């Protein structure tokens, strides 16, 4: 492809060299550059791609996109100066792959909690209905039922457009993806054409990156601001930021809610550990999913599916068949009658939602034991909040390691403890080893008791000192149940 074709719809400030150059590949990582590559020098949070321009040229880069032209230029290399390399990386990569997002109906889901469940269940809904679909999620990427491991909530623009291109080549008609706040702020989704966007909620998370809740909120809103006129923008009116997301969008504005009037209105009629009876826009349905947060997720799925043309008469029947995403309110039962619940809840709000759901359904004669930790090298301000929520809504709490990464797990637990009032400390144990914490909870539990294992959900590893060791919460809990027989 010609360089000038890749740079269509990019804001170019200056070109030094030949814009009719043939480009064989694109990269923003100098280690992956080969002959004929267009290298994008992008300023990241850790490194600045401008420092690697010379290395990229040494490895065969024939053109460079940058925000600052180097003083010394190499003959036969074309330099393109832009005001935002990250944005041009997104748009340019989409052009390089032939803009695959325009060849299928792509729906993005953003918000603090619920992204994975909504994207995954939309994928399952449309796949079960006979459509060829793709999924880009925290748990996994799927192209027409073929699973591809996932490393990020939202991949980088090159991987992202490459996956979308594979979806187009394999005949996908729809694609559903999680859109993280990082990906919006870093222009990873620049150049993508969305058929619709869904907002779930906004609660305390990622302040290590965004610094303020306003920045975090505005990153989400930027996604809706960029939706085209022929798309739909579906928001949760039960969240105080829901209406804010739609203020400047050109897309068709739609809403869903449990507590407010909305285009897609739901009411929880009955709630049990084996599911809920809901009324959706006046029609009753049963779902095996549990909790108000899942009722809200199902409303989002209902609204999005209708907006995409799903048959209305069949929709609630098909939604009622859907089961939750892996690691989201995932139940494990022991032979002795203990109920285990594995959930990805890793923010104060998500943890409160899960615990509130359990407390709404339980009979309160049993003991609720919560095992929870906080990740290392992430937002430290939510650590005391997580502990406070766990103690307020549980009978017993075990503070343990999550993914400590490069932090001291004992220090993380110490910071969590600062959120616990003196009168509640008798309810709390601290056990750094996550496996030991799980075994202790099982030893403390008796028939009918409930163990919530929060924070890691679907993850099958624990990252300690930068090394990912195999650890699966559901597997560890099941094994502890067997050992306790």
Protein backbone atom coordinates (compact mmCIF):
# COMPACT_ATOMS: atom_id res chain seq x y z
CA UNK A 1 0.00 0.00 0.00
CA UNK A 2 1.19 3.52 -0.78
CA UNK A 3 2.19 5.72 2.15
CA UNK A 4 -0.23 8.42 1.01
CA UNK A 5 -3.12 5.90 1.16
CA UNK A 6 -2.24 4.96 4.74
CA UNK A 7 -2.24 8.63 5.73
CA UNK A 8 -5.74 9.42 4.43
CA UNK A 9 -7.78 11.38 7.02
CA UNK A 10 -4.69 12.02 9.14
CA UNK A 11 -3.74 15.54 10.18
CA UNK A 12 -0.33 15.95 8.52
CA UNK A 13 1.88 18.93 9.35
CA UNK A 14 4.85 18.20 7.10
CA UNK A 15 6.20 15.48 4.79
CA UNK A 16 9.90 15.16 4.02
CA UNK A 17 10.44 12.59 1.28
CA UNK A 18 8.35 10.43 -1.03
CA UNK A 19 4.65 10.01 -0.09
CA UNK A 20 4.18 7.54 -2.99
CA UNK A 21 6.43 5.08 -1.20
CA UNK A 22 5.25 1.46 -1.00
CA UNK A 23 4.69 0.33 2.61
CA UNK A 24 4.83 -3.39 3.45
CA UNK A 25 4.06 -3.26 7.18
CA UNK A 26 3.29 -0.92 10.08
CA UNK A 27 4.72 -0.89 13.61
CA UNK A 28 5.18 1.28 16.69
CA UNK A 29 7.67 -1.17 18.24
CA UNK A 30 11.18 -0.83 16.79
CA UNK A 31 11.87 -4.49 17.67
CA UNK A 32 9.19 -5.57 15.19
CA UNK A 33 10.36 -3.42 12.27
CA UNK A 34 11.35 -5.08 8.98
CA UNK A 35 12.22 -3.83 5.49
CA UNK A 36 9.56 -1.50 4.12
CA UNK A 37 7.89 -0.79 7.48
CA UNK A 38 6.16 2.47 8.41
CA UNK A 39 7.29 3.19 11.98
CA UNK A 40 5.09 5.31 14.26
CA UNK A 41 7.06 7.12 16.97
CA UNK A 42 4.51 7.26 19.79
CA UNK A 43 5.02 8.82 23.23
CA UNK A 44 3.93 6.18 25.75
CA UNK A 45 3.58 6.21 29.53
CA UNK A 46 6.92 4.42 29.97
CA UNK A 47 8.97 5.12 26.82
CA UNK A 48 9.00 7.60 23.94
CA UNK A 49 9.05 6.05 20.46
CA UNK A 50 11.00 9.06 19.18
CA UNK A 51 14.03 7.65 21.01
CA UNK A 52 13.88 4.57 18.79
CA UNK A 53 13.63 6.18 15.35
CA UNK A 54 17.29 5.45 14.53
CA UNK A 55 16.92 1.82 15.60
CA UNK A 56 13.78 1.46 13.44
CA UNK A 57 15.63 2.84 10.43
CA UNK A 58 18.56 0.48 11.05
CA UNK A 59 16.11 -2.43 10.94
CA UNK A 60 14.65 -1.32 7.60
CA UNK A 61 11.93 1.26 8.27
CA UNK A 62 11.33 3.23 5.08
CA UNK A 63 9.04 5.88 6.58
CA UNK A 64 8.64 7.49 10.00
CA UNK A 65 5.58 9.15 11.55
CA UNK A 66 6.61 11.48 14.37
CA UNK A 67 5.63 14.60 16.28
CA UNK A 68 9.14 16.02 16.12
CA UNK A 69 11.38 15.67 13.06
CA UNK A 70 14.91 14.46 13.88
CA UNK A 71 17.71 16.93 13.16
CA UNK A 72 19.65 14.35 11.20
CA UNK A 73 17.64 12.70 8.46
CA UNK A 74 18.55 9.57 6.52
CA UNK A 75 18.41 9.57 2.72
CA UNK A 76 15.63 7.47 1.15
CA UNK A 77 13.59 7.57 4.38
CA UNK A 78 10.35 9.56 4.37
CA UNK A 79 9.48 11.55 7.49
CA UNK A 80 5.90 12.55 8.28
CA UNK A 81 5.34 15.14 11.01
CA UNK A 82 1.96 15.05 12.79
CA UNK A 83 0.49 16.63 15.89
CA UNK A 84 -0.53 13.31 17.49
CA UNK A 85 1.33 10.13 16.55
CA UNK A 86 -0.96 7.89 18.62
CA UNK A 87 -4.05 9.12 16.77
CA UNK A 88 -2.37 8.74 13.37
CA UNK A 89 -1.28 5.23 14.38
CA UNK A 90 -4.93 4.30 14.89
CA UNK A 91 -6.27 5.90 11.71
CA UNK A 92 -3.27 4.85 9.61
CA UNK A 93 -3.42 1.25 10.78
CA UNK A 94 -7.15 1.09 10.02
CA UNK A 95 -6.38 2.38 6.51
CA UNK A 96 -3.53 -0.15 6.12
CA UNK A 97 -5.92 -3.03 6.87
CA UNK A 98 -8.62 -1.64 4.58
CA UNK A 99 -10.80 -0.26 7.40
CA UNK A 100 -12.24 -3.62 8.51
CA UNK A 101 -14.53 -2.02 11.12
CA UNK A 102 -16.58 -0.54 8.27
CA UNK A 103 -17.19 -4.03 6.83
CA UNK A 104 -18.98 -5.43 9.88
CA UNK A 105 -21.20 -4.03 12.63
CA UNK A 106 -18.91 -3.22 15.55
CA UNK A 107 -20.35 -2.48 19.01
CA UNK A 108 -18.19 -1.08 21.81
CA UNK A 109 -18.98 -1.48 25.52
CA UNK A 110 -17.41 0.92 28.02
CA UNK A 111 -17.76 1.56 31.75
CA UNK A 112 -16.11 0.42 34.97
CA UNK A 113 -18.07 -2.79 35.53
CA UNK A 114 -20.09 -5.05 33.24
CA UNK A 115 -18.07 -4.65 30.02
CA UNK A 116 -16.97 -8.28 29.78
CA UNK A 117 -20.40 -9.71 30.60
CA UNK A 118 -22.25 -7.51 28.10
CA UNK A 119 -19.77 -7.99 25.24
CA UNK A 120 -19.53 -11.75 25.85
CA UNK A 121 -23.28 -12.31 26.12
CA UNK A 122 -23.97 -10.22 23.01
CA UNK A 123 -21.47 -12.41 21.18
CA UNK A 124 -23.18 -15.58 22.44
CA UNK A 125 -26.66 -14.22 21.68
CA UNK A 126 -25.89 -13.42 18.05
CA UNK A 127 -23.76 -16.53 17.54
CA UNK A 128 -26.54 -18.77 18.89
CA UNK A 129 -28.93 -17.00 16.50
CA UNK A 130 -26.79 -18.16 13.58
CA UNK A 131 -24.71 -15.06 12.86
CA UNK A 132 -20.94 -15.12 12.35
CA UNK A 133 -19.45 -12.95 15.09
CA UNK A 134 -16.25 -11.77 16.71
CA UNK A 135 -15.47 -10.89 20.32
CA UNK A 136 -12.70 -8.75 21.81
CA UNK A 137 -12.73 -8.99 25.60
CA UNK A 138 -10.66 -9.11 28.77
CA UNK A 139 -11.11 -12.89 28.97
CA UNK A 140 -10.61 -13.90 25.35
CA UNK A 141 -10.81 -12.86 21.72
CA UNK A 142 -12.98 -15.03 19.48
CA UNK A 143 -13.29 -15.10 15.70
CA UNK A 144 -16.15 -17.30 14.48
CA UNK A 145 -15.91 -19.58 17.55
CA UNK A 146 -12.08 -19.80 17.30
CA UNK A 147 -10.57 -18.61 20.60
CA UNK A 148 -7.49 -16.40 20.58
CA UNK A 149 -5.83 -15.55 23.94
CA UNK A 150 -6.38 -12.00 25.20
CA UNK A 151 -3.67 -9.87 26.83
CA UNK A 152 -5.43 -6.50 27.18
CA UNK A 153 -9.01 -5.30 27.62
CA UNK A 154 -8.54 -3.36 24.37
CA UNK A 155 -5.55 -4.34 22.15
CA UNK A 156 -3.17 -1.85 20.53
CA UNK A 157 -4.32 -0.43 17.15
CA UNK A 158 -2.22 -2.82 15.07
CA UNK A 159 -3.38 -5.96 16.87
CA UNK A 160 -6.93 -4.59 17.04
CA UNK A 161 -7.25 -3.87 13.32
CA UNK A 162 -5.49 -7.13 12.52
CA UNK A 163 -8.09 -9.06 14.53
CA UNK A 164 -10.96 -7.11 12.96
CA UNK A 165 -9.48 -7.83 9.53
CA UNK A 166 -9.39 -11.56 10.34
CA UNK A 167 -13.04 -11.32 11.38
CA UNK A 168 -13.94 -9.78 8.02
CA UNK A 169 -11.92 -12.40 6.12
CA UNK A 170 -13.72 -15.19 8.01
CA UNK A 171 -17.14 -13.78 7.27
CA UNK A 172 -18.09 -12.14 10.56
CA UNK A 173 -21.14 -9.89 10.37
CA UNK A 174 -20.94 -8.52 13.94
CA UNK A 175 -18.17 -7.81 16.42
CA UNK A 176 -18.51 -6.92 20.09
CA UNK A 177 -15.64 -5.38 22.03
CA UNK A 178 -14.77 -3.91 25.39
CA UNK A 179 -13.56 -0.32 25.15
CA UNK A 180 -11.34 0.58 28.10
CA UNK A 181 -10.80 4.14 29.25
CA UNK A 182 -7.07 3.69 28.58
CA UNK A 183 -7.77 2.78 24.96
CA UNK A 184 -9.85 5.92 24.42
CA UNK A 185 -7.35 8.22 26.15
CA UNK A 186 -4.48 6.67 24.19
CA UNK A 187 -6.35 6.82 20.84
CA UNK A 188 -6.17 3.03 20.40
CA UNK A 189 -9.67 3.05 18.88
CA UNK A 190 -8.96 5.99 16.53
CA UNK A 191 -10.03 5.14 12.99
CA UNK A 192 -12.61 2.53 14.02
CA UNK A 193 -16.20 2.79 12.80
CA UNK A 194 -18.70 1.76 15.48
CA UNK A 195 -22.29 0.74 14.81
CA UNK A 196 -23.08 1.34 18.47
CA UNK A 197 -21.76 2.13 21.91
CA UNK A 198 -22.94 1.04 25.37
CA UNK A 199 -22.19 2.74 28.72
CA UNK A 200 -22.53 0.60 31.86
CA UNK A 201 -21.46 2.67 34.88
CA UNK A 202 -18.62 4.73 36.30
CA UNK A 203 -17.07 4.00 39.68
CA UNK A 204 -13.69 4.31 41.40
CA UNK A 205 -10.97 2.67 39.28
CA UNK A 206 -7.82 3.43 37.29
CA UNK A 207 -7.03 6.67 39.10
CA UNK A 208 -3.35 5.63 39.03
CA UNK A 209 -3.57 6.47 35.30
CA UNK A 210 -6.35 9.06 34.95
CA UNK A 211 -5.53 10.88 38.26
CA UNK A 212 -9.06 12.26 38.71
CA UNK A 213 -12.58 10.89 38.32
CA UNK A 214 -13.30 13.75 35.90
CA UNK A 215 -10.50 12.60 33.58
CA UNK A 216 -11.72 9.02 33.85
CA UNK A 217 -15.30 10.07 33.07
CA UNK A 218 -14.23 12.25 30.15
CA UNK A 219 -12.27 9.40 28.59
CA UNK A 220 -15.49 7.36 28.52
CA UNK A 221 -17.45 10.28 27.11
CA UNK A 222 -14.89 10.81 24.32
CA UNK A 223 -15.92 7.42 22.95
CA UNK A 224 -19.57 8.53 22.66
CA UNK A 225 -18.59 11.93 21.27
CA UNK A 226 -16.92 10.11 18.38
CA UNK A 227 -19.83 7.85 17.41
CA UNK A 228 -21.25 8.54 13.93
CA UNK A 229 -24.80 9.66 13.24
CA UNK A 230 -25.91 6.23 11.98
CA UNK A 231 -24.80 4.50 15.19
CA UNK A 232 -26.69 4.06 18.47
CA UNK A 233 -25.55 5.31 21.88
CA UNK A 234 -27.09 3.29 24.72
CA UNK A 235 -26.58 4.47 28.29
CA UNK A 236 -27.46 3.39 31.82
CA UNK A 237 -29.68 6.05 33.41
CA UNK A 238 -29.29 4.44 36.86
CA UNK A 239 -25.73 5.75 36.87
CA UNK A 240 -25.36 9.46 37.59
CA UNK A 241 -22.99 9.78 34.61
CA UNK A 242 -25.31 8.00 32.20
CA UNK A 243 -27.03 11.06 30.72
CA UNK A 244 -23.69 12.94 30.62
CA UNK A 245 -22.29 10.40 28.16
CA UNK A 246 -24.92 11.33 25.58
CA UNK A 247 -24.61 15.11 25.75
CA UNK A 248 -22.57 15.62 22.59
CA UNK A 249 -23.01 12.41 20.66
CA UNK A 250 -24.31 12.46 17.08
CA UNK A 251 -25.58 8.88 17.45
CA UNK A 252 -29.17 7.84 18.20
CA UNK A 253 -29.66 8.29 21.96
CA UNK A 254 -31.13 5.34 23.87
CA UNK A 255 -31.33 4.40 27.54
CA UNK A 256 -31.89 1.50 29.92
CA UNK A 257 -32.60 1.44 33.65
CA UNK A 258 -34.00 -0.46 36.61
CA UNK A 259 -34.74 2.58 38.79
CA UNK A 260 -35.66 5.27 36.24
CA UNK A 261 -37.89 5.65 33.21
CA UNK A 262 -35.97 4.58 30.12
CA UNK A 263 -36.36 3.20 26.61
CA UNK A 264 -35.55 -0.25 27.99
CA UNK A 265 -37.02 -0.56 31.49
CA UNK A 266 -36.52 -3.52 33.80
CA UNK A 267 -38.01 -4.62 37.12
CA UNK A 268 -36.70 -7.45 39.31
CA UNK A 269 -39.74 -9.46 40.43
CA UNK A 270 -37.92 -12.33 42.20
CA UNK A 271 -34.28 -13.06 42.96
CA UNK A 272 -32.70 -16.38 43.99
CA UNK A 273 -29.27 -18.03 43.81
CA UNK A 274 -30.45 -19.97 40.76
CA UNK A 275 -31.65 -16.89 38.87
CA UNK A 276 -34.11 -13.99 38.63
CA UNK A 277 -37.59 -13.31 37.36
CA UNK A 278 -37.54 -9.99 35.47
CA UNK A 279 -40.06 -7.81 33.73
CA UNK A 280 -38.52 -6.14 30.66
CA UNK A 281 -40.63 -3.47 28.93
CA UNK A 282 -43.73 -5.13 30.38
CA UNK A 283 -42.85 -8.75 29.52
CA UNK A 284 -41.74 -11.29 32.12
CA UNK A 285 -38.67 -13.49 31.63
CA UNK A 286 -36.49 -15.77 33.78
CA UNK A 287 -32.70 -15.66 33.66
CA UNK A 288 -30.14 -17.94 35.37
CA UNK A 289 -28.04 -14.84 36.04
CA UNK A 290 -28.14 -13.38 39.56
CA UNK A 291 -28.15 -9.82 40.93
CA UNK A 292 -29.23 -6.30 40.08
CA UNK A 293 -26.00 -5.64 38.20
CA UNK A 294 -26.77 -8.58 35.90
CA UNK A 295 -30.34 -7.38 35.44
CA UNK A 296 -28.85 -4.08 34.28
CA UNK A 297 -26.42 -5.92 31.98
CA UNK A 298 -29.31 -7.84 30.41
CA UNK A 299 -31.19 -4.60 29.73
CA UNK A 300 -28.14 -3.29 27.90
CA UNK A 301 -28.00 -6.50 25.85
CA UNK A 302 -31.73 -6.25 25.11
CA UNK A 303 -31.45 -2.63 23.95
CA UNK A 304 -28.36 -3.24 21.85
CA UNK A 305 -29.81 -6.34 20.19
CA UNK A 306 -33.00 -4.51 19.24
CA UNK A 307 -30.93 -1.62 17.89
CA UNK A 308 -29.02 -4.09 15.71
CA UNK A 309 -32.24 -5.53 14.30
CA UNK A 310 -32.64 -8.70 16.37
CA UNK A 311 -36.15 -10.17 16.09
CA UNK A 312 -38.09 -8.66 19.03
CA UNK A 313 -40.45 -11.65 19.39
CA UNK A 314 -37.54 -14.04 19.87
CA UNK A 315 -35.19 -11.81 21.83
CA UNK A 316 -36.30 -12.32 25.45
CA UNK A 317 -36.53 -16.08 24.92
CA UNK A 318 -32.96 -16.17 23.63
CA UNK A 319 -31.68 -13.85 26.38
CA UNK A 320 -33.22 -16.15 29.01
CA UNK A 321 -30.93 -18.95 27.79
CA UNK A 322 -27.73 -16.98 28.36
CA UNK A 323 -25.33 -17.94 31.15
CA UNK A 324 -22.77 -15.60 32.72
CA UNK A 325 -19.22 -14.96 31.55
CA UNK A 326 -16.44 -17.01 33.13
CA UNK A 327 -15.44 -15.68 36.56
CA UNK A 328 -18.50 -13.45 36.93
CA UNK A 329 -20.66 -14.63 39.86
CA UNK A 330 -19.37 -18.12 39.07
CA UNK A 331 -20.81 -20.59 41.58
CA UNK A 332 -19.00 -23.63 43.01
CA UNK A 333 -20.81 -25.98 45.42
CA UNK A 334 -19.13 -28.30 47.91
CA UNK A 335 -20.49 -31.75 48.68
CA UNK A 336 -20.99 -30.59 52.28
CA UNK A 337 -23.35 -27.81 51.18
CA UNK A 338 -21.05 -24.76 51.20
CA UNK A 339 -21.76 -22.24 48.43
CA UNK A 340 -18.69 -20.76 46.73
CA UNK A 341 -18.86 -17.72 44.45
CA UNK A 342 -15.92 -16.62 42.29
CA UNK A 343 -16.17 -13.08 40.93
CA UNK A 344 -13.88 -10.61 39.15
CA UNK A 345 -15.03 -7.73 41.41
CA UNK A 346 -11.89 -5.66 41.88
CA UNK A 347 -13.34 -2.20 42.50
CA UNK A 348 -15.24 -0.98 45.58
CA UNK A 349 -18.47 -0.61 43.62
CA UNK A 350 -18.23 -4.02 41.95
CA UNK A 351 -17.51 -5.68 45.29
CA UNK A 352 -20.46 -3.86 46.88
CA UNK A 353 -22.73 -4.97 44.02
CA UNK A 354 -21.77 -8.62 44.41
CA UNK A 355 -22.02 -8.62 48.21
CA UNK A 356 -25.33 -6.73 48.13
CA UNK A 357 -26.69 -9.31 45.70
CA UNK A 358 -25.62 -12.16 47.99
CA UNK A 359 -27.17 -10.43 51.00
CA UNK A 360 -30.42 -9.84 49.12
CA UNK A 361 -30.74 -13.52 48.26
CA UNK A 362 -29.39 -15.29 51.38
CA UNK A 363 -31.53 -16.11 54.41
CA UNK A 364 -28.97 -14.60 56.86
CA UNK A 365 -28.85 -17.65 59.13
CA UNK A 366 -25.61 -18.64 57.39
CA UNK A 367 -22.16 -17.02 57.52
CA UNK A 368 -20.84 -14.99 54.58
CA UNK A 369 -17.04 -15.14 54.31
CA UNK A 370 -15.35 -12.80 51.82
CA UNK A 371 -11.79 -13.33 50.56
CA UNK A 372 -10.41 -10.24 48.86
CA UNK A 373 -7.16 -8.48 47.96
CA UNK A 374 -5.97 -5.60 45.78
CA UNK A 375 -3.60 -5.60 42.83
CA UNK A 376 -0.10 -4.19 43.07
CA UNK A 377 1.20 -1.31 40.92
CA UNK A 378 -2.34 -0.03 40.51
CA UNK A 379 -4.61 2.60 42.08
CA UNK A 380 -3.72 2.57 45.79
CA UNK A 381 -6.59 4.83 46.89
CA UNK A 382 -9.20 2.11 46.45
CA UNK A 383 -7.44 -0.34 48.81
CA UNK A 384 -8.99 0.89 52.09
CA UNK A 385 -12.34 1.27 50.33
CA UNK A 386 -12.28 -2.36 49.19
CA UNK A 387 -11.63 -3.56 52.73
CA UNK A 388 -14.32 -1.26 54.17
CA UNK A 389 -16.95 -2.58 51.74
CA UNK A 390 -15.99 -6.20 52.44
CA UNK A 391 -16.24 -5.73 56.22
CA UNK A 392 -19.51 -3.80 56.07
CA UNK A 393 -21.30 -6.44 53.99
CA UNK A 394 -19.72 -9.71 55.22
CA UNK A 395 -19.74 -11.69 58.44
CA UNK A 396 -16.05 -12.58 58.14
CA UNK A 397 -13.30 -11.22 55.89
CA UNK A 398 -9.94 -12.66 54.87
CA UNK A 399 -7.57 -10.10 53.35
CA UNK A 400 -5.08 -11.74 51.01
CA UNK A 401 -2.96 -11.24 47.88
CA UNK A 402 -4.47 -10.51 44.49
CA UNK A 403 -1.78 -9.88 41.87
CA UNK A 404 0.89 -8.09 43.95
CA UNK A 405 3.03 -7.68 40.83
CA UNK A 406 6.15 -5.79 41.97
CA UNK A 407 4.77 -4.61 45.32
CA UNK A 408 5.11 -6.17 48.76
CA UNK A 409 1.79 -8.05 49.30
CA UNK A 410 1.96 -7.47 53.05
CA UNK A 411 2.16 -3.71 52.46
CA UNK A 412 -0.89 -3.87 50.19
CA UNK A 413 -2.83 -5.67 52.92
CA UNK A 414 -1.62 -3.11 55.49
CA UNK A 415 -3.02 -0.32 53.30
CA UNK A 416 -6.33 -2.19 52.97
CA UNK A 417 -6.57 -2.46 56.76
CA UNK A 418 -6.57 1.33 57.13
CA UNK A 419 -10.15 1.25 55.87
CA UNK A 420 -11.35 -0.98 58.71
CA UNK A 421 -12.82 0.57 61.86
CA UNK A 422 -11.50 -0.59 65.23
CA UNK A 423 -14.80 -2.21 66.20
CA UNK A 424 -14.78 -4.35 63.02
CA UNK A 425 -11.24 -5.71 63.26
CA UNK A 426 -12.42 -8.86 65.08
CA UNK A 427 -14.13 -9.91 61.81
CA UNK A 428 -10.90 -9.79 59.80
CA UNK A 429 -8.04 -12.22 59.18
CA UNK A 430 -4.95 -11.42 57.10
CA UNK A 431 -3.44 -14.35 55.18
CA UNK A 432 -0.99 -13.28 52.49
CA UNK A 433 -0.87 -16.60 50.62
CA UNK A 434 -4.05 -16.72 48.50
CA UNK A 435 -4.20 -20.52 48.44
CA UNK A 436 -3.92 -20.68 52.22
CA UNK A 437 -6.60 -17.99 52.55
CA UNK A 438 -8.99 -20.09 50.47
CA UNK A 439 -8.29 -23.25 52.47
CA UNK A 440 -8.82 -21.32 55.71
CA UNK A 441 -12.19 -19.99 54.55
CA UNK A 442 -13.30 -23.52 53.65
CA UNK A 443 -12.15 -24.79 57.07
CA UNK A 444 -14.16 -22.03 58.79
CA UNK A 445 -17.30 -22.64 56.73
CA UNK A 446 -20.07 -25.08 57.56
CA UNK A 447 -23.07 -26.36 55.63
CA UNK A 448 -25.08 -23.52 54.09
CA UNK A 449 -22.34 -20.90 54.50
CA UNK A 450 -21.25 -18.73 51.58
CA UNK A 451 -17.68 -17.98 50.49
CA UNK A 452 -17.11 -15.09 48.09
CA UNK A 453 -13.71 -15.22 46.39
CA UNK A 454 -13.33 -11.78 44.83
CA UNK A 455 -10.88 -9.96 42.60
CA UNK A 456 -9.44 -12.33 40.01
CA UNK A 457 -12.44 -14.06 38.45
CA UNK A 458 -11.43 -15.64 35.14
CA UNK A 459 -7.68 -15.12 35.58
CA UNK A 460 -5.64 -18.32 35.69
CA UNK A 461 -2.46 -16.77 37.06
CA UNK A 462 -1.13 -14.78 39.98
CA UNK A 463 1.56 -12.21 39.19
CA UNK A 464 4.25 -12.02 41.90
CA UNK A 465 7.50 -10.07 41.44
CA UNK A 466 6.74 -9.69 37.75
CA UNK A 467 6.31 -13.45 37.21
CA UNK A 468 2.94 -14.98 36.31
CA UNK A 469 2.42 -18.21 38.26
CA UNK A 470 -0.52 -20.54 37.54
CA UNK A 471 -3.37 -19.82 39.93
CA UNK A 472 -7.06 -20.22 39.21
CA UNK A 473 -9.53 -19.14 41.92
CA UNK A 474 -12.27 -21.54 40.83
CA UNK A 475 -9.80 -24.41 40.60
CA UNK A 476 -8.26 -23.58 43.99
CA UNK A 477 -11.68 -23.33 45.67
CA UNK A 478 -12.86 -26.62 44.15
CA UNK A 479 -9.66 -28.33 45.32
CA UNK A 480 -10.08 -26.92 48.83
CA UNK A 481 -13.64 -28.28 48.92
CA UNK A 482 -12.37 -31.76 47.95
CA UNK A 483 -9.62 -31.68 50.59
CA UNK A 484 -12.14 -30.73 53.29
CA UNK A 485 -14.49 -33.66 52.62
